[in-house]
Every structure is written in structure tokens, then in C-alpha cells.
């Protein structure tokens, strides 16, 4: 494994963009603009309303909340 390999939630970003056809920044803006605040509420919302898989939704929410919603 390369020393500069992306780790954590961001490691999912290339596959998220490829699978869902939207840039990560767009997903993060959706999360930030949501009235929901709790991690699992946001994950459920992305899964239900936007069709994301659990791992992808979880990675986006974790990374976005860690950066400060």
C-alpha cells in the first residue's frame, strides 16, 4: 500500500462519484443544507431519498460532519 494512499471515509469518494455521477462536493452541500443533524438520520436520508448504499452514505456523512456541517 502506498504511503500517500487516501484512508478513512475519503477513500470511498472515487467510487461514490463514479457510481452516482455527482461530485463529492455536491453530496456534501446536500448534507450541509439538510435540516437533519444526527449522523444516522443523515445516512438514512441519503439511502432513502437519494439511493446511496450504506457505506457510501456513511462515508459522506462522517467526512462532512468531521469537517463541520
PDB file of N, CA and C in Angstrom:
ATOM      1  N   UNK A   1       0.848  -1.176   0.000  1.00  0.00           N
ATOM      2  CA  UNK A   1       0.000   0.000   0.000  1.00  0.00           C
ATOM      3  C   UNK A   1       0.892   1.237   0.000  1.00  0.00           C
ATOM      4  N   UNK A   2       0.571   2.190  -0.824  1.00  0.00           N
ATOM      5  CA  UNK A   2       1.373   3.407  -0.934  1.00  0.00           C
ATOM      6  C   UNK A   2       1.261   4.231   0.343  1.00  0.00           C
ATOM      7  N   UNK A   3       2.333   4.937   0.672  1.00  0.00           N
ATOM      8  CA  UNK A   3       2.342   5.753   1.883  1.00  0.00           C
ATOM      9  C   UNK A   3       1.336   6.891   1.818  1.00  0.00           C
ATOM     10  N   UNK A   4       1.084   7.417   0.629  1.00  0.00           N
ATOM     11  CA  UNK A   4       0.172   8.550   0.498  1.00  0.00           C
ATOM     12  C   UNK A   4      -1.239   8.133   0.108  1.00  0.00           C
ATOM     13  N   UNK A   5      -1.573   6.873   0.289  1.00  0.00           N
ATOM     14  CA  UNK A   5      -2.911   6.395  -0.047  1.00  0.00           C
ATOM     15  C   UNK A   5      -3.950   7.078   0.835  1.00  0.00           C
ATOM     16  N   UNK A   6      -5.075   7.397   0.233  1.00  0.00           N
ATOM     17  CA  UNK A   6      -6.169   8.026   0.970  1.00  0.00           C
ATOM     18  C   UNK A   6      -6.779   6.991   1.893  1.00  0.00           C
ATOM     19  N   UNK A   7      -7.028   7.396   3.134  1.00  0.00           N
ATOM     20  CA  UNK A   7      -7.590   6.483   4.127  1.00  0.00           C
ATOM     21  C   UNK A   7      -8.884   7.057   4.677  1.00  0.00           C
ATOM     22  N   UNK A   8      -9.618   6.246   5.396  1.00  0.00           N
ATOM     23  CA  UNK A   8     -10.844   6.701   6.040  1.00  0.00           C
ATOM     24  C   UNK A   8     -11.969   6.937   5.044  1.00  0.00           C
ATOM     25  N   UNK A   9     -12.947   7.748   5.440  1.00  0.00           N
ATOM     26  CA  UNK A   9     -14.118   7.976   4.593  1.00  0.00           C
ATOM     27  C   UNK A   9     -13.780   8.472   3.187  1.00  0.00           C
ATOM     28  N   UNK A  10     -12.748   9.283   3.057  1.00  0.00           N
ATOM     29  CA  UNK A  10     -12.395   9.839   1.746  1.00  0.00           C
ATOM     30  C   UNK A  10     -11.967   8.762   0.755  1.00  0.00           C
ATOM     31  N   UNK A  11     -11.588   7.590   1.245  1.00  0.00           N
ATOM     32  CA  UNK A  11     -11.189   6.509   0.336  1.00  0.00           C
ATOM     33  C   UNK A  11     -12.375   6.024  -0.507  1.00  0.00           C
ATOM     34  N   UNK A  12     -13.589   6.315  -0.075  1.00  0.00           N
ATOM     35  CA  UNK A  12     -14.790   5.931  -0.813  1.00  0.00           C
ATOM     36  C   UNK A  12     -15.140   6.927  -1.920  1.00  0.00           C
ATOM     37  N   UNK A  13     -14.575   8.130  -1.886  1.00  0.00           N
ATOM     38  CA  UNK A  13     -15.019   9.201  -2.770  1.00  0.00           C
ATOM     39  C   UNK A  13     -14.942   8.880  -4.256  1.00  0.00           C
ATOM     40  N   UNK A  14     -13.856   8.294  -4.762  1.00  0.00           N
ATOM     41  CA  UNK A  14     -13.834   7.994  -6.203  1.00  0.00           C
ATOM     42  C   UNK A  14     -14.966   7.050  -6.633  1.00  0.00           C
ATOM     43  N   UNK A  15     -15.245   6.035  -5.824  1.00  0.00           N
ATOM     44  CA  UNK A  15     -16.315   5.104  -6.200  1.00  0.00           C
ATOM     45  C   UNK A  15     -17.693   5.745  -6.049  1.00  0.00           C
ATOM     46  N   UNK A  16     -17.856   6.663  -5.103  1.00  0.00           N
ATOM     47  CA  UNK A  16     -19.125   7.376  -4.943  1.00  0.00           C
ATOM     48  C   UNK A  16     -19.390   8.225  -6.184  1.00  0.00           C
ATOM     49  N   UNK A  17     -18.381   8.966  -6.615  1.00  0.00           N
ATOM     50  CA  UNK A  17     -18.548   9.821  -7.795  1.00  0.00           C
ATOM     51  C   UNK A  17     -18.830   8.984  -9.037  1.00  0.00           C
ATOM     52  N   UNK A  18     -18.146   7.873  -9.182  1.00  0.00           N
ATOM     53  CA  UNK A  18     -18.345   7.007 -10.346  1.00  0.00           C
ATOM     54  C   UNK A  18     -19.738   6.369 -10.339  1.00  0.00           C
ATOM     55  N   UNK A  19     -20.145   5.857  -9.195  1.00  0.00           N
ATOM     56  CA  UNK A  19     -21.413   5.124  -9.121  1.00  0.00           C
ATOM     57  C   UNK A  19     -22.630   6.037  -9.223  1.00  0.00           C
ATOM     58  N   UNK A  20     -22.578   7.218  -8.588  1.00  0.00           N
ATOM     59  CA  UNK A  20     -23.766   8.064  -8.514  1.00  0.00           C
ATOM     60  C   UNK A  20     -23.712   9.275  -9.442  1.00  0.00           C
ATOM     61  N   UNK A  21     -22.565   9.499 -10.107  1.00  0.00           N
ATOM     62  CA  UNK A  21     -22.458  10.532 -11.116  1.00  0.00           C
ATOM     63  C   UNK A  21     -22.506  11.972 -10.622  1.00  0.00           C
ATOM     64  N   UNK A  22     -22.235  12.165  -9.354  1.00  0.00           N
ATOM     65  CA  UNK A  22     -22.213  13.515  -8.778  1.00  0.00           C
ATOM     66  C   UNK A  22     -20.922  13.692  -8.010  1.00  0.00           C
ATOM     67  N   UNK A  23     -20.333  14.892  -8.071  1.00  0.00           N
ATOM     68  CA  UNK A  23     -19.107  15.122  -7.301  1.00  0.00           C
ATOM     69  C   UNK A  23     -19.366  15.099  -5.797  1.00  0.00           C
ATOM     70  N   UNK A  24     -18.366  14.728  -5.041  1.00  0.00           N
ATOM     71  CA  UNK A  24     -18.476  14.660  -3.586  1.00  0.00           C
ATOM     72  C   UNK A  24     -18.892  16.009  -3.013  1.00  0.00           C
ATOM     73  N   UNK A  25     -18.369  17.085  -3.564  1.00  0.00           N
ATOM     74  CA  UNK A  25     -18.722  18.427  -3.073  1.00  0.00           C
ATOM     75  C   UNK A  25     -20.226  18.664  -3.147  1.00  0.00           C
ATOM     76  N   UNK A  26     -20.865  18.133  -4.161  1.00  0.00           N
ATOM     77  CA  UNK A  26     -22.321  18.279  -4.291  1.00  0.00           C
ATOM     78  C   UNK A  26     -23.047  17.494  -3.191  1.00  0.00           C
ATOM     79  N   UNK A  27     -22.578  16.282  -2.927  1.00  0.00           N
ATOM     80  CA  UNK A  27     -23.168  15.487  -1.841  1.00  0.00           C
ATOM     81  C   UNK A  27     -22.983  16.189  -0.498  1.00  0.00           C
ATOM     82  N   UNK A  28     -21.795  16.759  -0.300  1.00  0.00           N
ATOM     83  CA  UNK A  28     -21.524  17.448   0.966  1.00  0.00           C
ATOM     84  C   UNK A  28     -22.419  18.680   1.120  1.00  0.00           C
ATOM     85  N   UNK A  29     -22.672  19.372   0.044  1.00  0.00           N
ATOM     86  CA  UNK A  29     -23.558  20.533   0.106  1.00  0.00           C
ATOM     87  C   UNK A  29     -24.986  20.093   0.453  1.00  0.00           C
ATOM     88  N   UNK A  30     -25.426  18.978  -0.110  1.00  0.00           N
ATOM     89  CA  UNK A  30     -26.746  18.442   0.244  1.00  0.00           C
ATOM     90  C   UNK A  30     -26.821  18.124   1.737  1.00  0.00           C
ATOM     91  N   UNK A  31     -25.780  17.502   2.250  1.00  0.00           N
ATOM     92  CA  UNK A  31     -25.744  17.152   3.671  1.00  0.00           C
ATOM     93  C   UNK A  31     -25.764  18.410   4.524  1.00  0.00           C
ATOM     94  N   UNK A  32     -24.953  19.389   4.153  1.00  0.00           N
ATOM     95  CA  UNK A  32     -24.901  20.644   4.925  1.00  0.00           C
ATOM     96  C   UNK A  32     -26.227  21.403   4.893  1.00  0.00           C
ATOM     97  N   UNK A  33     -26.942  21.312   3.792  1.00  0.00           N
ATOM     98  CA  UNK A  33     -28.197  22.061   3.670  1.00  0.00           C
ATOM     99  C   UNK A  33     -29.393  21.309   4.261  1.00  0.00           C
ATOM    100  N   UNK A  34     -29.182  20.068   4.655  1.00  0.00           N
ATOM    101  CA  UNK A  34     -30.265  19.278   5.245  1.00  0.00           C
ATOM    102  C   UNK A  34     -30.612  19.795   6.638  1.00  0.00           C
ATOM    103  N   UNK A  35     -31.895  19.791   6.979  1.00  0.00           N
ATOM    104  CA  UNK A  35     -32.277  20.176   8.338  1.00  0.00           C
ATOM    105  C   UNK A  35     -31.913  19.105   9.373  1.00  0.00           C
ATOM    106  N   UNK A  36     -31.558  17.920   8.903  1.00  0.00           N
ATOM    107  CA  UNK A  36     -31.176  16.833   9.808  1.00  0.00           C
ATOM    108  C   UNK A  36     -29.778  17.104  10.353  1.00  0.00           C
ATOM    109  N   UNK A  37     -29.517  16.649  11.570  1.00  0.00           N
ATOM    110  CA  UNK A  37     -28.220  16.918  12.188  1.00  0.00           C
ATOM    111  C   UNK A  37     -27.499  15.657  12.657  1.00  0.00           C
ATOM    112  N   UNK A  38     -28.252  14.612  13.013  1.00  0.00           N
ATOM    113  CA  UNK A  38     -27.634  13.407  13.559  1.00  0.00           C
ATOM    114  C   UNK A  38     -27.084  12.526  12.441  1.00  0.00           C
ATOM    115  N   UNK A  39     -25.951  11.920  12.743  1.00  0.00           N
ATOM    116  CA  UNK A  39     -25.245  11.091  11.764  1.00  0.00           C
ATOM    117  C   UNK A  39     -26.166  10.058  11.108  1.00  0.00           C
ATOM    118  N   UNK A  40     -26.802   9.233  11.907  1.00  0.00           N
ATOM    119  CA  UNK A  40     -27.602   8.146  11.333  1.00  0.00           C
ATOM    120  C   UNK A  40     -28.868   8.654  10.647  1.00  0.00           C
ATOM    121  N   UNK A  41     -29.402   9.789  11.061  1.00  0.00           N
ATOM    122  CA  UNK A  41     -30.531  10.391  10.348  1.00  0.00           C
ATOM    123  C   UNK A  41     -30.100  10.791   8.934  1.00  0.00           C
ATOM    124  N   UNK A  42     -28.928  11.394   8.836  1.00  0.00           N
ATOM    125  CA  UNK A  42     -28.411  11.808   7.532  1.00  0.00           C
ATOM    126  C   UNK A  42     -28.103  10.600   6.652  1.00  0.00           C
ATOM    127  N   UNK A  43     -27.541   9.554   7.235  1.00  0.00           N
ATOM    128  CA  UNK A  43     -27.255   8.332   6.478  1.00  0.00           C
ATOM    129  C   UNK A  43     -28.557   7.742   5.941  1.00  0.00           C
ATOM    130  N   UNK A  44     -29.555   7.628   6.793  1.00  0.00           N
ATOM    131  CA  UNK A  44     -30.846   7.073   6.371  1.00  0.00           C
ATOM    132  C   UNK A  44     -31.474   7.920   5.263  1.00  0.00           C
ATOM    133  N   UNK A  45     -31.378   9.229   5.382  1.00  0.00           N
ATOM    134  CA  UNK A  45     -31.925  10.140   4.380  1.00  0.00           C
ATOM    135  C   UNK A  45     -31.232   9.955   3.026  1.00  0.00           C
ATOM    136  N   UNK A  46     -29.910   9.858   3.034  1.00  0.00           N
ATOM    137  CA  UNK A  46     -29.184   9.643   1.781  1.00  0.00           C
ATOM    138  C   UNK A  46     -29.551   8.304   1.150  1.00  0.00           C
ATOM    139  N   UNK A  47     -29.732   7.295   1.972  1.00  0.00           N
ATOM    140  CA  UNK A  47     -30.102   5.975   1.472  1.00  0.00           C
ATOM    141  C   UNK A  47     -31.522   5.982   0.903  1.00  0.00           C
ATOM    142  N   UNK A  48     -32.448   6.551   1.644  1.00  0.00           N
ATOM    143  CA  UNK A  48     -33.858   6.520   1.261  1.00  0.00           C
ATOM    144  C   UNK A  48     -34.179   7.478   0.120  1.00  0.00           C
ATOM    145  N   UNK A  49     -33.757   8.718   0.257  1.00  0.00           N
ATOM    146  CA  UNK A  49     -34.142   9.747  -0.710  1.00  0.00           C
ATOM    147  C   UNK A  49     -33.213   9.850  -1.914  1.00  0.00           C
ATOM    148  N   UNK A  50     -31.977   9.379  -1.772  1.00  0.00           N
ATOM    149  CA  UNK A  50     -31.010   9.553  -2.848  1.00  0.00           C
ATOM    150  C   UNK A  50     -30.420   8.250  -3.366  1.00  0.00           C
ATOM    151  N   UNK A  51     -30.821   7.118  -2.783  1.00  0.00           N
ATOM    152  CA  UNK A  51     -30.434   5.813  -3.295  1.00  0.00           C
ATOM    153  C   UNK A  51     -28.993   5.392  -3.050  1.00  0.00           C
ATOM    154  N   UNK A  52     -28.319   6.012  -2.108  1.00  0.00           N
ATOM    155  CA  UNK A  52     -26.945   5.617  -1.814  1.00  0.00           C
ATOM    156  C   UNK A  52     -26.926   4.347  -0.987  1.00  0.00           C
ATOM    157  N   UNK A  53     -25.871   3.593  -1.128  1.00  0.00           N
ATOM    158  CA  UNK A  53     -25.647   2.435  -0.286  1.00  0.00           C
ATOM    159  C   UNK A  53     -25.211   2.893   1.099  1.00  0.00           C
ATOM    160  N   UNK A  54     -25.309   2.009   2.069  1.00  0.00           N
ATOM    161  CA  UNK A  54     -25.000   2.381   3.449  1.00  0.00           C
ATOM    162  C   UNK A  54     -23.559   2.864   3.619  1.00  0.00           C
ATOM    163  N   UNK A  55     -22.601   2.135   3.081  1.00  0.00           N
ATOM    164  CA  UNK A  55     -21.195   2.503   3.244  1.00  0.00           C
ATOM    165  C   UNK A  55     -20.877   3.852   2.620  1.00  0.00           C
ATOM    166  N   UNK A  56     -21.414   4.099   1.441  1.00  0.00           N
ATOM    167  CA  UNK A  56     -21.177   5.380   0.770  1.00  0.00           C
ATOM    168  C   UNK A  56     -21.831   6.527   1.537  1.00  0.00           C
ATOM    169  N   UNK A  57     -23.062   6.332   1.965  1.00  0.00           N
ATOM    170  CA  UNK A  57     -23.750   7.373   2.734  1.00  0.00           C
ATOM    171  C   UNK A  57     -23.015   7.646   4.042  1.00  0.00           C
ATOM    172  N   UNK A  58     -22.603   6.601   4.717  1.00  0.00           N
ATOM    173  CA  UNK A  58     -21.890   6.732   5.980  1.00  0.00           C
ATOM    174  C   UNK A  58     -20.574   7.497   5.795  1.00  0.00           C
ATOM    175  N   UNK A  59     -19.838   7.180   4.744  1.00  0.00           N
ATOM    176  CA  UNK A  59     -18.561   7.855   4.480  1.00  0.00           C
ATOM    177  C   UNK A  59     -18.773   9.342   4.221  1.00  0.00           C
ATOM    178  N   UNK A  60     -19.767   9.677   3.407  1.00  0.00           N
ATOM    179  CA  UNK A  60     -20.046  11.084   3.104  1.00  0.00           C
ATOM    180  C   UNK A  60     -20.440  11.853   4.356  1.00  0.00           C
ATOM    181  N   UNK A  61     -21.317  11.273   5.154  1.00  0.00           N
ATOM    182  CA  UNK A  61     -21.780  11.947   6.371  1.00  0.00           C
ATOM    183  C   UNK A  61     -20.627  12.092   7.365  1.00  0.00           C
ATOM    184  N   UNK A  62     -19.866  11.036   7.577  1.00  0.00           N
ATOM    185  CA  UNK A  62     -18.758  11.090   8.534  1.00  0.00           C
ATOM    186  C   UNK A  62     -17.752  12.167   8.136  1.00  0.00           C
ATOM    187  N   UNK A  63     -17.388  12.208   6.883  1.00  0.00           N
ATOM    188  CA  UNK A  63     -16.400  13.180   6.417  1.00  0.00           C
ATOM    189  C   UNK A  63     -16.957  14.601   6.511  1.00  0.00           C
ATOM    190  N   UNK A  64     -18.205  14.778   6.138  1.00  0.00           N
ATOM    191  CA  UNK A  64     -18.817  16.109   6.162  1.00  0.00           C
ATOM    192  C   UNK A  64     -18.976  16.618   7.592  1.00  0.00           C
ATOM    193  N   UNK A  65     -19.454  15.786   8.490  1.00  0.00           N
ATOM    194  CA  UNK A  65     -19.635  16.207   9.874  1.00  0.00           C
ATOM    195  C   UNK A  65     -18.295  16.464  10.555  1.00  0.00           C
ATOM    196  N   UNK A  66     -17.283  15.680  10.213  1.00  0.00           N
ATOM    197  CA  UNK A  66     -15.959  15.886  10.805  1.00  0.00           C
ATOM    198  C   UNK A  66     -15.366  17.237  10.400  1.00  0.00           C
ATOM    199  N   UNK A  67     -15.733  17.689   9.210  1.00  0.00           N
ATOM    200  CA  UNK A  67     -15.243  18.973   8.711  1.00  0.00           C
ATOM    201  C   UNK A  67     -16.075  20.129   9.257  1.00  0.00           C
ATOM    202  N   UNK A  68     -17.176  19.802   9.921  1.00  0.00           N
ATOM    203  CA  UNK A  68     -18.086  20.827  10.451  1.00  0.00           C
ATOM    204  C   UNK A  68     -19.215  21.084   9.484  1.00  0.00           C
ATOM    205  N   UNK A  69     -20.364  20.560   9.813  1.00  0.00           N
ATOM    206  CA  UNK A  69     -21.528  20.687   8.930  1.00  0.00           C
ATOM    207  C   UNK A  69     -21.813  22.140   8.734  1.00  0.00           C
TER     208      UNK A  69
END
